[in-house]
Amino acid sequence: MKIYEAAERTPQLSENLLNIWEDSVRAMHHFLSDTEVKAN
């Protein structure tokens, strides 16, 4: 795995990172409701 550092955190990058986080949470934490995922 190669780690990259973003020189600039654009709104698009932030949205993409949030989508990755949410997909990961949903894939591994089936016990959380949609409301709980969206609250974090």
PDB file of N, CA and C in Angstrom:
ATOM      1  N   MET A   1       0.844  -1.157   0.000  1.00  0.00           N
ATOM      2  CA  MET A   1       0.000   0.000   0.000  1.00  0.00           C
ATOM      3  C   MET A   1       0.900   1.234   0.000  1.00  0.00           C
ATOM      4  N   LYS A   2       0.507   2.211  -0.778  1.00  0.00           N
ATOM      5  CA  LYS A   2       1.253   3.461  -0.817  1.00  0.00           C
ATOM      6  C   LYS A   2       0.365   4.562  -0.238  1.00  0.00           C
ATOM      7  N   ILE A   3       0.926   5.345   0.644  1.00  0.00           N
ATOM      8  CA  ILE A   3       0.180   6.426   1.284  1.00  0.00           C
ATOM      9  C   ILE A   3       0.530   7.743   0.606  1.00  0.00           C
ATOM     10  N   TYR A   4      -0.489   8.496   0.271  1.00  0.00           N
ATOM     11  CA  TYR A   4      -0.312   9.792  -0.370  1.00  0.00           C
ATOM     12  C   TYR A   4      -0.811  10.891   0.560  1.00  0.00           C
ATOM     13  N   GLU A   5      -0.154  12.021   0.525  1.00  0.00           N
ATOM     14  CA  GLU A   5      -0.615  13.180   1.286  1.00  0.00           C
ATOM     15  C   GLU A   5      -1.186  14.195   0.301  1.00  0.00           C
ATOM     16  N   ALA A   6      -2.394  14.634   0.563  1.00  0.00           N
ATOM     17  CA  ALA A   6      -3.037  15.613  -0.307  1.00  0.00           C
ATOM     18  C   ALA A   6      -2.471  17.001  -0.015  1.00  0.00           C
ATOM     19  N   ALA A   7      -2.023  17.662  -1.041  1.00  0.00           N
ATOM     20  CA  ALA A   7      -1.483  19.015  -0.884  1.00  0.00           C
ATOM     21  C   ALA A   7      -2.600  20.005  -0.568  1.00  0.00           C
ATOM     22  N   GLU A   8      -3.764  19.740  -1.116  1.00  0.00           N
ATOM     23  CA  GLU A   8      -4.905  20.627  -0.901  1.00  0.00           C
ATOM     24  C   GLU A   8      -6.149  19.781  -0.694  1.00  0.00           C
ATOM     25  N   ARG A   9      -6.896  20.067   0.348  1.00  0.00           N
ATOM     26  CA  ARG A   9      -8.117  19.313   0.616  1.00  0.00           C
ATOM     27  C   ARG A   9      -9.294  20.071   0.011  1.00  0.00           C
ATOM     28  N   THR A  10      -9.635  19.698  -1.192  1.00  0.00           N
ATOM     29  CA  THR A  10     -10.736  20.339  -1.913  1.00  0.00           C
ATOM     30  C   THR A  10     -12.072  19.767  -1.433  1.00  0.00           C
ATOM     31  N   PRO A  11     -13.158  20.460  -1.720  1.00  0.00           N
ATOM     32  CA  PRO A  11     -14.473  19.905  -1.373  1.00  0.00           C
ATOM     33  C   PRO A  11     -14.711  18.538  -2.016  1.00  0.00           C
ATOM     34  N   GLN A  12     -14.245  18.347  -3.240  1.00  0.00           N
ATOM     35  CA  GLN A  12     -14.421  17.053  -3.919  1.00  0.00           C
ATOM     36  C   GLN A  12     -13.635  15.954  -3.207  1.00  0.00           C
ATOM     37  N   LEU A  13     -12.419  16.241  -2.783  1.00  0.00           N
ATOM     38  CA  LEU A  13     -11.625  15.258  -2.047  1.00  0.00           C
ATOM     39  C   LEU A  13     -12.301  14.901  -0.732  1.00  0.00           C
ATOM     40  N   SER A  14     -12.787  15.901  -0.022  1.00  0.00           N
ATOM     41  CA  SER A  14     -13.478  15.654   1.249  1.00  0.00           C
ATOM     42  C   SER A  14     -14.705  14.777   1.039  1.00  0.00           C
ATOM     43  N   GLU A  15     -15.458  15.048  -0.011  1.00  0.00           N
ATOM     44  CA  GLU A  15     -16.649  14.241  -0.303  1.00  0.00           C
ATOM     45  C   GLU A  15     -16.260  12.807  -0.650  1.00  0.00           C
ATOM     46  N   ASN A  16     -15.209  12.629  -1.438  1.00  0.00           N
ATOM     47  CA  ASN A  16     -14.748  11.281  -1.795  1.00  0.00           C
ATOM     48  C   ASN A  16     -14.286  10.515  -0.562  1.00  0.00           C
ATOM     49  N   LEU A  17     -13.542  11.173   0.318  1.00  0.00           N
ATOM     50  CA  LEU A  17     -13.074  10.516   1.538  1.00  0.00           C
ATOM     51  C   LEU A  17     -14.247  10.134   2.439  1.00  0.00           C
ATOM     52  N   LEU A  18     -15.244  10.995   2.532  1.00  0.00           N
ATOM     53  CA  LEU A  18     -16.425  10.691   3.327  1.00  0.00           C
ATOM     54  C   LEU A  18     -17.162   9.481   2.753  1.00  0.00           C
ATOM     55  N   ASN A  19     -17.264   9.410   1.437  1.00  0.00           N
ATOM     56  CA  ASN A  19     -17.930   8.266   0.799  1.00  0.00           C
ATOM     57  C   ASN A  19     -17.181   6.961   1.066  1.00  0.00           C
ATOM     58  N   ILE A  20     -15.860   7.013   1.014  1.00  0.00           N
ATOM     59  CA  ILE A  20     -15.052   5.821   1.311  1.00  0.00           C
ATOM     60  C   ILE A  20     -15.270   5.397   2.760  1.00  0.00           C
ATOM     61  N   TRP A  21     -15.246   6.372   3.662  1.00  0.00           N
ATOM     62  CA  TRP A  21     -15.461   6.063   5.086  1.00  0.00           C
ATOM     63  C   TRP A  21     -16.834   5.428   5.292  1.00  0.00           C
ATOM     64  N   GLU A  22     -17.864   6.041   4.710  1.00  0.00           N
ATOM     65  CA  GLU A  22     -19.220   5.526   4.902  1.00  0.00           C
ATOM     66  C   GLU A  22     -19.367   4.114   4.325  1.00  0.00           C
ATOM     67  N   ASP A  23     -18.825   3.871   3.150  1.00  0.00           N
ATOM     68  CA  ASP A  23     -18.885   2.526   2.562  1.00  0.00           C
ATOM     69  C   ASP A  23     -18.190   1.509   3.457  1.00  0.00           C
ATOM     70  N   SER A  24     -17.060   1.883   4.034  1.00  0.00           N
ATOM     71  CA  SER A  24     -16.319   0.987   4.925  1.00  0.00           C
ATOM     72  C   SER A  24     -17.113   0.676   6.186  1.00  0.00           C
ATOM     73  N   VAL A  25     -17.709   1.700   6.769  1.00  0.00           N
ATOM     74  CA  VAL A  25     -18.516   1.501   7.981  1.00  0.00           C
ATOM     75  C   VAL A  25     -19.692   0.582   7.681  1.00  0.00           C
ATOM     76  N   ARG A  26     -20.376   0.829   6.586  1.00  0.00           N
ATOM     77  CA  ARG A  26     -21.543   0.001   6.238  1.00  0.00           C
ATOM     78  C   ARG A  26     -21.144  -1.450   5.965  1.00  0.00           C
ATOM     79  N   ALA A  27     -19.960  -1.659   5.400  1.00  0.00           N
ATOM     80  CA  ALA A  27     -19.514  -3.010   5.082  1.00  0.00           C
ATOM     81  C   ALA A  27     -19.131  -3.802   6.333  1.00  0.00           C
ATOM     82  N   MET A  28     -18.706  -3.114   7.372  1.00  0.00           N
ATOM     83  CA  MET A  28     -18.170  -3.822   8.535  1.00  0.00           C
ATOM     84  C   MET A  28     -19.007  -3.675   9.804  1.00  0.00           C
ATOM     85  N   HIS A  29     -19.964  -2.777   9.811  1.00  0.00           N
ATOM     86  CA  HIS A  29     -20.753  -2.527  11.019  1.00  0.00           C
ATOM     87  C   HIS A  29     -22.243  -2.653  10.704  1.00  0.00           C
ATOM     88  N   HIS A  30     -22.655  -3.869  10.414  1.00  0.00           N
ATOM     89  CA  HIS A  30     -24.036  -4.118  10.013  1.00  0.00           C
ATOM     90  C   HIS A  30     -25.042  -3.813  11.124  1.00  0.00           C
ATOM     91  N   PHE A  31     -24.561  -3.725  12.357  1.00  0.00           N
ATOM     92  CA  PHE A  31     -25.448  -3.476  13.489  1.00  0.00           C
ATOM     93  C   PHE A  31     -25.830  -2.009  13.630  1.00  0.00           C
ATOM     94  N   LEU A  32     -25.192  -1.110  12.861  1.00  0.00           N
ATOM     95  CA  LEU A  32     -25.520   0.319  12.941  1.00  0.00           C
ATOM     96  C   LEU A  32     -26.663   0.635  11.978  1.00  0.00           C
ATOM     97  N   SER A  33     -27.565   1.479  12.450  1.00  0.00           N
ATOM     98  CA  SER A  33     -28.668   1.921  11.588  1.00  0.00           C
ATOM     99  C   SER A  33     -28.169   3.043  10.677  1.00  0.00           C
ATOM    100  N   ASP A  34     -28.962   3.362   9.641  1.00  0.00           N
ATOM    101  CA  ASP A  34     -28.621   4.472   8.759  1.00  0.00           C
ATOM    102  C   ASP A  34     -28.464   5.776   9.544  1.00  0.00           C
ATOM    103  N   THR A  35     -29.323   5.989  10.509  1.00  0.00           N
ATOM    104  CA  THR A  35     -29.271   7.189  11.332  1.00  0.00           C
ATOM    105  C   THR A  35     -27.958   7.271  12.090  1.00  0.00           C
ATOM    106  N   GLU A  36     -27.518   6.158  12.645  1.00  0.00           N
ATOM    107  CA  GLU A  36     -26.264   6.141  13.395  1.00  0.00           C
ATOM    108  C   GLU A  36     -25.059   6.397  12.488  1.00  0.00           C
ATOM    109  N   VAL A  37     -25.076   5.834  11.306  1.00  0.00           N
ATOM    110  CA  VAL A  37     -23.968   6.062  10.363  1.00  0.00           C
ATOM    111  C   VAL A  37     -23.927   7.529   9.964  1.00  0.00           C
ATOM    112  N   LYS A  38     -25.064   8.085   9.632  1.00  0.00           N
ATOM    113  CA  LYS A  38     -25.126   9.483   9.186  1.00  0.00           C
ATOM    114  C   LYS A  38     -24.785  10.457  10.313  1.00  0.00           C
ATOM    115  N   ALA A  39     -24.980  10.068  11.554  1.00  0.00           N
ATOM    116  CA  ALA A  39     -24.699  10.957  12.691  1.00  0.00           C
ATOM    117  C   ALA A  39     -23.213  11.121  12.924  1.00  0.00           C
ATOM    118  N   ASN A  40     -22.410  10.221  12.406  1.00  0.00           N
ATOM    119  CA  ASN A  40     -20.968  10.277  12.647  1.00  0.00           C
ATOM    120  C   ASN A  40     -20.299  10.693  11.423  1.00  0.00           C
TER     121      ASN A  40
END
